[in-house]
Amino acid sequence: MEKVLRMNEATPFTIAAVSDQPIFLRGLCCSAAAIGGFALVGEAQNGADAVQLCQMTLPDLVLVDL
């Protein structure tokens, strides 16, 4: 897998997790935590909360179960 370099290697990629199902949300969060170089910045249980979370934290990546 090719590594993507950030301007500041000390700063991890930020992730937000979104799911309306608690079991899936926990799975997304655990998956994010298991991967090195990522920092979970928040969780949301619906679309409106996800938009607000993303506006506040500006994550690099949003994990969503569809």
N, C-alpha and C. Protein backbone atom coordinates (compact mmCIF):
# COMPACT_ATOMS: atom_id res chain seq x y z
N MET A 1 0.84 -1.17 0.00
CA MET A 1 0.00 0.00 0.00
C MET A 1 0.89 1.24 0.00
N GLU A 2 0.59 2.19 -0.84
CA GLU A 2 1.38 3.41 -0.96
C GLU A 2 1.07 4.34 0.21
N LYS A 3 2.10 4.88 0.82
CA LYS A 3 1.93 5.80 1.94
C LYS A 3 1.79 7.21 1.42
N VAL A 4 0.78 7.91 1.91
CA VAL A 4 0.56 9.30 1.54
C VAL A 4 1.26 10.17 2.58
N LEU A 5 2.11 11.06 2.12
CA LEU A 5 2.85 11.91 3.04
C LEU A 5 2.09 13.20 3.30
N ARG A 6 2.09 13.61 4.55
CA ARG A 6 1.49 14.88 4.94
C ARG A 6 2.62 15.89 5.10
N MET A 7 2.25 17.15 5.09
CA MET A 7 3.26 18.19 5.26
C MET A 7 3.96 18.04 6.61
N ASN A 8 3.21 17.65 7.63
CA ASN A 8 3.77 17.46 8.95
C ASN A 8 3.49 16.02 9.36
N GLU A 9 4.48 15.15 9.30
CA GLU A 9 4.29 13.74 9.60
C GLU A 9 3.84 13.51 11.04
N ALA A 10 4.05 14.46 11.93
CA ALA A 10 3.63 14.29 13.32
C ALA A 10 2.12 14.43 13.47
N THR A 11 1.45 15.01 12.49
CA THR A 11 0.00 15.20 12.55
C THR A 11 -0.69 14.03 11.87
N PRO A 12 -1.50 13.27 12.62
CA PRO A 12 -2.18 12.12 12.00
C PRO A 12 -3.35 12.57 11.12
N PHE A 13 -3.77 11.69 10.22
CA PHE A 13 -4.99 11.93 9.47
C PHE A 13 -6.15 11.88 10.45
N THR A 14 -7.11 12.76 10.29
CA THR A 14 -8.26 12.77 11.19
C THR A 14 -9.45 12.08 10.53
N ILE A 15 -10.22 11.37 11.36
CA ILE A 15 -11.35 10.59 10.88
C ILE A 15 -12.58 10.89 11.72
N ALA A 16 -13.73 10.99 11.05
CA ALA A 16 -15.03 11.05 11.72
C ALA A 16 -15.79 9.79 11.30
N ALA A 17 -16.55 9.21 12.23
CA ALA A 17 -17.32 8.00 11.95
C ALA A 17 -18.81 8.32 12.06
N VAL A 18 -19.59 7.78 11.10
CA VAL A 18 -21.03 8.06 11.08
C VAL A 18 -21.81 6.78 10.83
N SER A 19 -22.78 6.50 11.71
CA SER A 19 -23.69 5.38 11.51
C SER A 19 -24.89 5.56 12.44
N ASP A 20 -26.06 5.16 11.98
CA ASP A 20 -27.24 5.21 12.83
C ASP A 20 -27.40 3.93 13.65
N GLN A 21 -26.55 2.95 13.38
CA GLN A 21 -26.57 1.69 14.10
C GLN A 21 -25.38 1.64 15.07
N PRO A 22 -25.64 1.58 16.38
CA PRO A 22 -24.54 1.60 17.36
C PRO A 22 -23.46 0.54 17.13
N ILE A 23 -23.84 -0.66 16.72
CA ILE A 23 -22.85 -1.72 16.51
C ILE A 23 -21.93 -1.38 15.33
N PHE A 24 -22.49 -0.79 14.28
CA PHE A 24 -21.68 -0.40 13.13
C PHE A 24 -20.79 0.80 13.48
N LEU A 25 -21.33 1.73 14.26
CA LEU A 25 -20.55 2.89 14.68
C LEU A 25 -19.34 2.44 15.49
N ARG A 26 -19.55 1.50 16.42
CA ARG A 26 -18.45 0.98 17.23
C ARG A 26 -17.43 0.29 16.33
N GLY A 27 -17.90 -0.47 15.34
CA GLY A 27 -16.99 -1.14 14.41
C GLY A 27 -16.15 -0.16 13.61
N LEU A 28 -16.77 0.91 13.14
CA LEU A 28 -16.03 1.94 12.39
C LEU A 28 -14.97 2.58 13.28
N CYS A 29 -15.34 2.87 14.52
CA CYS A 29 -14.40 3.52 15.45
C CYS A 29 -13.24 2.59 15.79
N CYS A 30 -13.55 1.31 16.02
CA CYS A 30 -12.50 0.34 16.33
C CYS A 30 -11.56 0.14 15.14
N SER A 31 -12.13 0.13 13.94
CA SER A 31 -11.30 0.00 12.74
C SER A 31 -10.36 1.19 12.59
N ALA A 32 -10.88 2.38 12.84
CA ALA A 32 -10.05 3.59 12.75
C ALA A 32 -8.94 3.56 13.79
N ALA A 33 -9.25 3.09 14.99
CA ALA A 33 -8.26 3.04 16.07
C ALA A 33 -7.17 2.01 15.79
N ALA A 34 -7.52 0.96 15.06
CA ALA A 34 -6.57 -0.12 14.78
C ALA A 34 -5.54 0.26 13.73
N ILE A 35 -5.82 1.28 12.96
CA ILE A 35 -4.91 1.70 11.89
C ILE A 35 -4.02 2.82 12.42
N GLY A 36 -2.74 2.63 12.38
CA GLY A 36 -1.82 3.66 12.86
C GLY A 36 -1.84 4.90 12.00
N GLY A 37 -1.57 6.04 12.61
CA GLY A 37 -1.49 7.29 11.87
C GLY A 37 -2.82 8.00 11.70
N PHE A 38 -3.88 7.46 12.32
CA PHE A 38 -5.20 8.07 12.24
C PHE A 38 -5.66 8.49 13.62
N ALA A 39 -6.39 9.58 13.70
CA ALA A 39 -6.97 10.04 14.96
C ALA A 39 -8.46 10.23 14.76
N LEU A 40 -9.26 9.57 15.58
CA LEU A 40 -10.71 9.70 15.52
C LEU A 40 -11.10 11.02 16.18
N VAL A 41 -11.77 11.90 15.43
CA VAL A 41 -12.13 13.21 15.97
C VAL A 41 -13.58 13.28 16.42
N GLY A 42 -14.38 12.26 16.10
CA GLY A 42 -15.75 12.28 16.56
C GLY A 42 -16.61 11.22 15.91
N GLU A 43 -17.81 11.08 16.49
CA GLU A 43 -18.80 10.12 16.01
C GLU A 43 -20.12 10.84 15.85
N ALA A 44 -20.92 10.39 14.88
CA ALA A 44 -22.26 10.95 14.69
C ALA A 44 -23.21 9.81 14.39
N GLN A 45 -24.48 9.97 14.82
CA GLN A 45 -25.46 8.92 14.62
C GLN A 45 -26.51 9.25 13.56
N ASN A 46 -26.39 10.43 12.95
CA ASN A 46 -27.31 10.77 11.86
C ASN A 46 -26.65 11.82 10.97
N GLY A 47 -27.29 12.09 9.84
CA GLY A 47 -26.71 13.00 8.86
C GLY A 47 -26.52 14.42 9.36
N ALA A 48 -27.51 14.93 10.09
CA ALA A 48 -27.41 16.30 10.59
C ALA A 48 -26.26 16.45 11.58
N ASP A 49 -26.12 15.47 12.47
CA ASP A 49 -25.00 15.50 13.42
C ASP A 49 -23.67 15.34 12.70
N ALA A 50 -23.66 14.54 11.63
CA ALA A 50 -22.43 14.33 10.86
C ALA A 50 -21.97 15.63 10.20
N VAL A 51 -22.92 16.37 9.64
CA VAL A 51 -22.58 17.65 9.00
C VAL A 51 -22.01 18.61 10.04
N GLN A 52 -22.66 18.69 11.19
CA GLN A 52 -22.18 19.58 12.25
C GLN A 52 -20.79 19.15 12.74
N LEU A 53 -20.59 17.85 12.93
CA LEU A 53 -19.29 17.33 13.36
C LEU A 53 -18.20 17.69 12.36
N CYS A 54 -18.50 17.50 11.08
CA CYS A 54 -17.51 17.79 10.04
C CYS A 54 -17.20 19.29 9.94
N GLN A 55 -18.20 20.11 10.15
CA GLN A 55 -17.97 21.56 10.13
C GLN A 55 -17.08 21.99 11.30
N MET A 56 -17.25 21.33 12.44
CA MET A 56 -16.47 21.70 13.62
C MET A 56 -15.05 21.14 13.60
N THR A 57 -14.87 19.91 13.08
CA THR A 57 -13.57 19.25 13.19
C THR A 57 -12.78 19.19 11.90
N LEU A 58 -13.44 19.38 10.75
CA LEU A 58 -12.80 19.31 9.43
C LEU A 58 -11.93 18.05 9.29
N PRO A 59 -12.54 16.87 9.38
CA PRO A 59 -11.76 15.64 9.28
C PRO A 59 -11.22 15.42 7.87
N ASP A 60 -10.13 14.68 7.78
CA ASP A 60 -9.56 14.31 6.48
C ASP A 60 -10.40 13.24 5.80
N LEU A 61 -11.07 12.40 6.62
CA LEU A 61 -11.81 11.25 6.10
C LEU A 61 -13.06 11.05 6.94
N VAL A 62 -14.18 10.71 6.29
CA VAL A 62 -15.41 10.38 7.00
C VAL A 62 -15.76 8.94 6.66
N LEU A 63 -15.88 8.08 7.69
CA LEU A 63 -16.28 6.70 7.50
C LEU A 63 -17.78 6.61 7.73
N VAL A 64 -18.51 6.08 6.74
CA VAL A 64 -19.96 6.00 6.81
C VAL A 64 -20.40 4.59 6.41
N ASP A 65 -21.33 4.01 7.18
CA ASP A 65 -21.91 2.75 6.72
C ASP A 65 -23.15 3.10 5.91
N LEU A 66 -23.28 2.49 4.76
CA LEU A 66 -24.42 2.79 3.89
C LEU A 66 -25.40 1.64 3.88
